[in-house]
């Protein structure tokens, strides 16, 4: 590969790898620039690994459209590429009568987003499939599932490299500059280098806004405001009591403390929402055991049999949020018509459902470049 390529992708998370795969398979010469020593070390490896149905998001938003399209593509991809996954379904439970009205609004929004397979279950019907759950009713989403996120990223990486893409690890971006006909990118680390590319894709996840600020020629006013939110997970000791994902009725600012399962059956509760003071990496991913107290109270609303001492600190992830705290911010996939720099695509605020939407996000990026 020469020191000038068609496309440089900053970030080897699930989005960067999906984009690299898409462009390399289309015949472009691609290099992925990654600051860490491996793929997916940030948000991509610190999430619930849920394949989302596309239920909650604002109608016609990018999150809604890309989640619904991405879900279908992801299930097909996992099936054809032997990526471990299971379509286990999700219950959104109401524990009070007013929360049933919330579920009705959720179903209406889901239908408007093209998710038409949700069904209402009575408390008795819920007991038949999840005997430990206490509720007055629930919505069942059969198209929600789980996936092995690391195996998914390995599959994306393998196909990208098979199509000629390369990954430069331990190569933090110091500065990039828009020049005539493309970009000059300076990387640091143990082996500093200069790379020239025709296109530049900023898929840096948690560092996307920071990278945007380092691109000379990009108007700083085009970079959206944002902040970081930490989500802590606790694991359940003992025999798993659930067969489905269990979500409470959503709360302001999040989806509540919910139950997820990994492919081995391990039960995880979370994430909660913890504001963080950090403005850039490195982040503190430690889980404070004292936060379990609030988890017990939230979980017992729908799982009253939860025993004292049964929650263990699991892991934490950081989400790149846009706008102000509490705002319903959408993904931003920002191409040249938005910021005026030819060949540049910035991806800001790619949090959940980014994993689910990864193939659809890659399609959207490729379309912007083609235009």
Protein backbone atom coordinates (compact mmCIF):
# COMPACT_ATOMS: atom_id res chain seq x y z
CA UNK A 1 0.00 0.00 0.00
CA UNK A 2 1.31 3.45 -0.91
CA UNK A 3 1.44 6.42 1.47
CA UNK A 4 -1.61 7.77 -0.38
CA UNK A 5 -4.83 5.81 -0.21
CA UNK A 6 -8.40 6.29 -1.30
CA UNK A 7 -9.76 6.34 2.23
CA UNK A 8 -8.49 6.68 5.79
CA UNK A 9 -10.86 5.54 8.53
CA UNK A 10 -10.07 6.79 12.03
CA UNK A 11 -11.19 4.23 14.60
CA UNK A 12 -11.27 0.42 14.59
CA UNK A 13 -14.48 -0.02 16.55
CA UNK A 14 -17.53 -1.76 15.15
CA UNK A 15 -18.47 1.31 13.06
CA UNK A 16 -14.98 1.95 11.67
CA UNK A 17 -14.55 -1.71 10.78
CA UNK A 18 -17.98 -1.88 9.11
CA UNK A 19 -17.16 1.23 7.07
CA UNK A 20 -13.71 -0.13 6.12
CA UNK A 21 -15.29 -3.41 5.01
CA UNK A 22 -17.91 -1.64 2.91
CA UNK A 23 -15.46 0.65 1.13
CA UNK A 24 -12.77 -1.99 0.62
CA UNK A 25 -15.26 -4.42 -0.89
CA UNK A 26 -16.35 -1.61 -3.24
CA UNK A 27 -12.77 -1.44 -4.56
CA UNK A 28 -11.31 1.43 -2.51
CA UNK A 29 -7.84 1.29 -0.99
CA UNK A 30 -8.50 1.67 2.74
CA UNK A 31 -6.39 2.09 5.85
CA UNK A 32 -7.88 2.10 9.35
CA UNK A 33 -6.00 4.23 11.88
CA UNK A 34 -6.40 3.04 15.47
CA UNK A 35 -4.84 4.55 18.59
CA UNK A 36 -5.06 1.34 20.64
CA UNK A 37 -3.40 -2.06 20.23
CA UNK A 38 -6.55 -3.91 19.17
CA UNK A 39 -9.99 -3.53 17.66
CA UNK A 40 -13.07 -2.34 19.52
CA UNK A 41 -11.49 -1.38 22.84
CA UNK A 42 -13.93 1.45 23.58
CA UNK A 43 -17.71 1.61 23.35
CA UNK A 44 -17.84 -1.35 20.96
CA UNK A 45 -16.65 -3.79 23.63
CA UNK A 46 -18.42 -2.21 26.61
CA UNK A 47 -22.11 -2.47 25.85
CA UNK A 48 -24.99 -4.86 26.36
CA UNK A 49 -24.46 -6.67 23.01
CA UNK A 50 -28.16 -6.34 22.22
CA UNK A 51 -29.52 -6.41 18.69
CA UNK A 52 -32.15 -3.71 19.05
CA UNK A 53 -35.47 -3.78 17.25
CA UNK A 54 -35.79 0.00 16.68
CA UNK A 55 -38.57 0.64 19.16
CA UNK A 56 -37.79 3.74 21.21
CA UNK A 57 -36.23 6.22 18.82
CA UNK A 58 -37.76 9.42 17.50
CA UNK A 59 -39.82 8.72 14.40
CA UNK A 60 -37.82 9.20 11.17
CA UNK A 61 -34.60 9.83 13.11
CA UNK A 62 -31.32 8.34 11.93
CA UNK A 63 -31.32 6.11 14.99
CA UNK A 64 -34.73 4.72 14.06
CA UNK A 65 -34.10 4.27 10.36
CA UNK A 66 -30.59 2.86 10.65
CA UNK A 67 -31.51 0.58 13.55
CA UNK A 68 -34.42 -1.01 11.71
CA UNK A 69 -32.42 -1.46 8.50
CA UNK A 70 -29.31 -2.49 10.40
CA UNK A 71 -31.15 -5.10 12.47
CA UNK A 72 -32.33 -6.94 9.38
CA UNK A 73 -28.89 -6.73 7.77
CA UNK A 74 -27.15 -7.81 10.96
CA UNK A 75 -29.24 -10.93 11.46
CA UNK A 76 -28.58 -11.94 7.84
CA UNK A 77 -24.86 -11.20 8.26
CA UNK A 78 -24.54 -13.17 11.49
CA UNK A 79 -26.35 -16.12 9.95
CA UNK A 80 -24.25 -16.18 6.78
CA UNK A 81 -20.92 -15.54 8.54
CA UNK A 82 -21.42 -17.82 11.56
CA UNK A 83 -21.26 -14.96 14.07
CA UNK A 84 -22.73 -16.21 17.37
CA UNK A 85 -26.11 -14.62 18.04
CA UNK A 86 -29.60 -15.47 19.28
CA UNK A 87 -32.97 -13.87 18.57
CA UNK A 88 -34.27 -14.34 22.12
CA UNK A 89 -36.83 -11.53 22.31
CA UNK A 90 -37.43 -8.81 24.86
CA UNK A 91 -40.15 -7.96 27.37
CA UNK A 92 -40.83 -4.31 28.21
CA UNK A 93 -42.72 -4.55 31.48
CA UNK A 94 -45.16 -2.21 33.21
CA UNK A 95 -45.34 -2.52 36.98
CA UNK A 96 -48.09 0.08 37.45
CA UNK A 97 -51.26 0.87 35.52
CA UNK A 98 -49.96 4.28 34.30
CA UNK A 99 -46.95 2.49 32.81
CA UNK A 100 -49.33 0.55 30.55
CA UNK A 101 -50.08 3.87 28.87
CA UNK A 102 -46.33 4.32 28.40
CA UNK A 103 -46.17 0.93 26.69
CA UNK A 104 -49.02 1.93 24.38
CA UNK A 105 -47.10 5.02 23.33
CA UNK A 106 -43.99 2.91 22.77
CA UNK A 107 -45.91 0.55 20.50
CA UNK A 108 -47.29 3.47 18.50
CA UNK A 109 -43.79 4.90 18.05
CA UNK A 110 -42.40 1.49 17.11
CA UNK A 111 -45.12 1.01 14.50
CA UNK A 112 -44.30 4.42 13.01
CA UNK A 113 -40.66 3.32 12.83
CA UNK A 114 -41.59 0.18 10.91
CA UNK A 115 -41.44 -2.23 13.87
CA UNK A 116 -44.80 -3.96 13.58
CA UNK A 117 -44.21 -7.21 15.48
CA UNK A 118 -44.76 -5.96 19.07
CA UNK A 119 -47.55 -7.67 21.01
CA UNK A 120 -49.18 -6.90 24.37
CA UNK A 121 -49.03 -9.61 27.03
CA UNK A 122 -51.14 -9.74 30.17
CA UNK A 123 -49.56 -10.29 33.58
CA UNK A 124 -50.66 -13.93 33.40
CA UNK A 125 -49.10 -14.38 29.97
CA UNK A 126 -45.84 -12.88 31.21
CA UNK A 127 -45.84 -15.30 34.16
CA UNK A 128 -46.08 -18.21 31.74
CA UNK A 129 -42.81 -17.30 30.00
CA UNK A 130 -40.99 -15.45 32.80
CA UNK A 131 -42.31 -16.69 36.17
CA UNK A 132 -40.02 -14.44 38.24
CA UNK A 133 -41.30 -11.19 36.74
CA UNK A 134 -43.90 -9.12 38.59
CA UNK A 135 -45.85 -6.77 36.34
CA UNK A 136 -49.33 -5.72 35.24
CA UNK A 137 -48.53 -6.26 31.57
CA UNK A 138 -45.76 -6.13 29.01
CA UNK A 139 -44.84 -5.55 25.40
CA UNK A 140 -43.06 -8.44 23.72
CA UNK A 141 -40.49 -7.69 21.00
CA UNK A 142 -39.65 -10.94 19.18
CA UNK A 143 -37.02 -9.37 16.90
CA UNK A 144 -34.71 -8.22 19.72
CA UNK A 145 -31.64 -10.41 20.17
CA UNK A 146 -28.06 -10.67 21.38
CA UNK A 147 -24.76 -10.99 19.54
CA UNK A 148 -21.12 -11.70 20.32
CA UNK A 149 -19.78 -8.22 19.56
CA UNK A 150 -16.13 -9.28 19.45
CA UNK A 151 -16.80 -12.07 16.96
CA UNK A 152 -18.81 -9.61 14.88
CA UNK A 153 -15.91 -7.17 14.79
CA UNK A 154 -13.50 -9.97 13.90
CA UNK A 155 -15.75 -10.88 10.98
CA UNK A 156 -15.87 -7.27 9.76
CA UNK A 157 -12.10 -6.99 10.13
CA UNK A 158 -11.48 -10.25 8.30
CA UNK A 159 -13.59 -9.24 5.33
CA UNK A 160 -12.07 -5.76 5.22
CA UNK A 161 -8.54 -7.16 5.20
CA UNK A 162 -9.46 -9.83 2.66
CA UNK A 163 -10.56 -6.97 0.38
CA UNK A 164 -7.20 -5.22 0.85
CA UNK A 165 -7.79 -2.93 3.82
CA UNK A 166 -5.03 -2.46 6.38
CA UNK A 167 -5.15 -1.49 10.05
CA UNK A 168 -2.46 0.67 11.65
CA UNK A 169 -2.61 -0.01 15.39
CA UNK A 170 -0.99 2.15 18.08
CA UNK A 171 -1.27 5.13 15.73
CA UNK A 172 -3.03 8.01 17.51
CA UNK A 173 -4.00 10.84 15.18
CA UNK A 174 -2.19 14.05 16.06
CA UNK A 175 -3.55 16.31 13.35
CA UNK A 176 -5.28 16.10 10.00
CA UNK A 177 -5.48 18.80 7.37
CA UNK A 178 -7.81 19.22 4.42
CA UNK A 179 -5.71 19.95 1.34
CA UNK A 180 -6.32 20.12 -2.38
CA UNK A 181 -7.58 16.71 -3.47
CA UNK A 182 -7.70 15.14 -0.04
CA UNK A 183 -6.19 15.03 3.44
CA UNK A 184 -2.84 14.85 5.17
CA UNK A 185 -2.97 12.87 8.41
CA UNK A 186 -0.20 12.90 11.01
CA UNK A 187 -0.05 9.96 13.40
CA UNK A 188 2.00 9.54 16.55
CA UNK A 189 2.98 6.59 18.68
CA UNK A 190 6.22 4.62 18.49
CA UNK A 191 6.35 4.97 14.70
CA UNK A 192 5.03 8.41 13.70
CA UNK A 193 3.90 8.63 10.10
CA UNK A 194 2.27 10.90 7.53
CA UNK A 195 -0.54 9.54 5.42
CA UNK A 196 -2.39 11.12 2.52
CA UNK A 197 -5.89 10.11 1.56
CA UNK A 198 -8.63 11.17 -0.81
CA UNK A 199 -11.37 10.56 1.77
CA UNK A 200 -11.34 10.76 5.55
CA UNK A 201 -13.87 9.03 7.80
CA UNK A 202 -13.90 10.13 11.43
CA UNK A 203 -15.32 7.06 13.21
CA UNK A 204 -13.39 7.64 16.41
CA UNK A 205 -16.33 7.02 18.75
CA UNK A 206 -15.60 8.59 22.11
CA UNK A 207 -12.88 10.72 20.53
CA UNK A 208 -14.86 11.75 17.41
CA UNK A 209 -15.48 15.32 18.56
CA UNK A 210 -11.86 15.64 19.69
CA UNK A 211 -10.63 14.36 16.32
CA UNK A 212 -12.97 16.75 14.53
CA UNK A 213 -11.34 19.63 16.39
CA UNK A 214 -7.94 18.50 15.06
CA UNK A 215 -8.93 18.61 11.40
CA UNK A 216 -7.58 21.85 9.96
CA UNK A 217 -10.00 23.25 7.42
CA UNK A 218 -13.08 22.05 9.30
CA UNK A 219 -15.16 24.81 10.83
CA UNK A 220 -15.20 24.22 14.62
CA UNK A 221 -18.82 25.42 14.63
CA UNK A 222 -19.76 22.25 12.74
CA UNK A 223 -18.74 20.08 15.72
CA UNK A 224 -21.80 19.46 17.91
CA UNK A 225 -21.75 19.96 21.67
CA UNK A 226 -21.55 16.78 23.68
CA UNK A 227 -20.71 15.05 26.92
CA UNK A 228 -19.94 11.58 28.26
CA UNK A 229 -22.18 9.31 30.29
CA UNK A 230 -20.95 6.23 32.12
CA UNK A 231 -23.09 3.13 32.30
CA UNK A 232 -22.32 0.54 34.99
CA UNK A 233 -23.33 -3.12 34.82
CA UNK A 234 -23.71 -5.64 37.63
CA UNK A 235 -23.83 -9.40 37.14
CA UNK A 236 -26.16 -11.80 38.92
CA UNK A 237 -24.65 -14.69 40.85
CA UNK A 238 -26.38 -18.03 40.80
CA UNK A 239 -28.66 -19.73 38.29
CA UNK A 240 -30.08 -17.44 35.59
CA UNK A 241 -33.81 -16.88 36.28
CA UNK A 242 -34.68 -15.39 32.86
CA UNK A 243 -34.92 -16.56 29.27
CA UNK A 244 -35.58 -13.19 27.65
CA UNK A 245 -34.24 -9.67 27.90
CA UNK A 246 -36.30 -7.72 30.46
CA UNK A 247 -36.66 -3.95 30.23
CA UNK A 248 -38.74 -1.77 32.56
CA UNK A 249 -40.86 1.03 31.13
CA UNK A 250 -38.34 3.70 30.07
CA UNK A 251 -37.43 6.61 32.29
CA UNK A 252 -36.30 10.14 31.47
CA UNK A 253 -32.76 9.97 30.10
CA UNK A 254 -32.60 6.21 29.54
CA UNK A 255 -34.25 2.82 29.30
CA UNK A 256 -34.02 2.00 32.99
CA UNK A 257 -32.01 -0.73 34.71
CA UNK A 258 -32.73 -3.72 32.53
CA UNK A 259 -31.83 -7.38 32.23
CA UNK A 260 -29.57 -8.56 29.45
CA UNK A 261 -28.18 -12.03 28.82
CA UNK A 262 -24.97 -12.99 27.12
CA UNK A 263 -24.71 -16.02 24.87
CA UNK A 264 -23.54 -18.12 27.82
CA UNK A 265 -26.66 -17.26 29.82
CA UNK A 266 -24.97 -14.87 32.25
CA UNK A 267 -27.44 -12.28 33.58
CA UNK A 268 -26.36 -8.65 33.57
CA UNK A 269 -28.24 -5.69 34.99
CA UNK A 270 -27.67 -2.19 33.68
CA UNK A 271 -26.60 0.19 32.53
CA UNK A 272 -27.31 2.97 34.97
CA UNK A 273 -26.43 6.57 34.15
CA UNK A 274 -23.44 8.16 35.83
CA UNK A 275 -22.20 11.56 34.58
CA UNK A 276 -18.42 11.63 34.17
CA UNK A 277 -16.11 14.61 34.42
CA UNK A 278 -13.61 13.37 31.84
CA UNK A 279 -13.46 15.27 28.59
CA UNK A 280 -11.26 12.71 26.80
CA UNK A 281 -9.51 9.37 27.31
CA UNK A 282 -8.31 7.71 29.45
CA UNK A 283 -11.64 7.00 31.13
CA UNK A 284 -12.24 5.38 34.48
CA UNK A 285 -14.06 2.11 33.79
CA UNK A 286 -14.09 0.86 37.39
CA UNK A 287 -17.50 -0.07 38.79
CA UNK A 288 -18.14 1.27 42.28
CA UNK A 289 -19.68 -1.59 44.33
CA UNK A 290 -21.68 0.99 46.30
CA UNK A 291 -23.80 1.66 43.21
CA UNK A 292 -25.40 -1.76 43.72
CA UNK A 293 -27.76 -0.23 46.28
CA UNK A 294 -29.65 1.72 43.63
CA UNK A 295 -29.65 -1.36 41.37
CA UNK A 296 -31.41 -3.48 44.00
CA UNK A 297 -34.19 -0.91 44.38
CA UNK A 298 -34.72 -0.54 40.61
CA UNK A 299 -34.60 -4.25 39.83
CA UNK A 300 -36.94 -5.31 42.62
CA UNK A 301 -39.74 -3.28 41.05
CA UNK A 302 -40.08 -6.06 38.46
CA UNK A 303 -37.97 -8.86 40.01
CA UNK A 304 -38.95 -8.84 43.70
CA UNK A 305 -37.17 -12.13 44.47
CA UNK A 306 -33.73 -10.58 43.95
CA UNK A 307 -31.66 -11.62 46.98
CA UNK A 308 -29.39 -9.35 48.97
CA UNK A 309 -25.74 -9.84 48.06
CA UNK A 310 -26.48 -11.43 44.68
CA UNK A 311 -25.16 -8.57 42.54
CA UNK A 312 -21.46 -8.37 41.70
CA UNK A 313 -19.70 -5.46 39.95
CA UNK A 314 -19.44 -6.29 36.26
CA UNK A 315 -18.08 -3.74 33.82
CA UNK A 316 -18.74 -0.21 32.63
CA UNK A 317 -18.93 1.61 29.34
CA UNK A 318 -18.85 5.25 28.30
CA UNK A 319 -21.40 6.68 25.87
CA UNK A 320 -20.67 9.67 23.62
CA UNK A 321 -23.77 11.80 24.10
CA UNK A 322 -24.69 14.80 21.98
CA UNK A 323 -26.57 17.93 22.99
CA UNK A 324 -27.36 18.69 26.62
CA UNK A 325 -28.06 16.09 29.32
CA UNK A 326 -31.55 14.67 28.92
CA UNK A 327 -31.99 15.74 25.30
CA UNK A 328 -33.19 13.19 22.75
CA UNK A 329 -30.13 13.53 20.52
CA UNK A 330 -29.83 11.66 17.24
CA UNK A 331 -26.82 10.21 15.46
CA UNK A 332 -24.93 12.72 13.34
CA UNK A 333 -23.44 11.42 10.09
CA UNK A 334 -22.01 14.61 8.71
CA UNK A 335 -20.90 14.79 5.10
CA UNK A 336 -19.53 17.57 2.87
CA UNK A 337 -22.90 19.24 2.30
CA UNK A 338 -23.14 19.84 6.05
CA UNK A 339 -19.61 21.07 6.81
CA UNK A 340 -18.20 22.06 3.41
CA UNK A 341 -15.07 19.87 3.37
CA UNK A 342 -15.03 17.53 0.33
CA UNK A 343 -14.35 13.89 1.10
CA UNK A 344 -14.82 14.16 4.88
CA UNK A 345 -17.45 12.27 6.87
CA UNK A 346 -17.73 12.78 10.63
CA UNK A 347 -19.72 10.37 12.77
CA UNK A 348 -20.74 11.95 16.06
CA UNK A 349 -22.74 10.53 18.95
CA UNK A 350 -22.74 6.94 17.69
CA UNK A 351 -23.95 5.26 20.86
CA UNK A 352 -26.72 2.68 21.14
CA UNK A 353 -28.05 1.37 18.74
CA UNK A 354 -24.75 1.78 16.89
CA UNK A 355 -23.81 -1.90 17.12
CA UNK A 356 -27.15 -2.96 15.65
CA UNK A 357 -27.00 -0.25 12.99
CA UNK A 358 -23.35 -0.77 12.01
CA UNK A 359 -23.96 -2.20 8.53
CA UNK A 360 -26.58 0.45 7.76
CA UNK A 361 -24.26 3.20 9.02
CA UNK A 362 -21.57 1.91 6.66
CA UNK A 363 -24.04 2.06 3.78
CA UNK A 364 -24.92 5.65 4.70
CA UNK A 365 -21.25 6.67 4.78
CA UNK A 366 -20.58 5.08 1.41
CA UNK A 367 -23.59 6.88 -0.07
CA UNK A 368 -22.29 10.25 1.16
CA UNK A 369 -18.91 9.61 -0.46
CA UNK A 370 -20.47 8.50 -3.73
CA UNK A 371 -22.49 11.70 -3.84
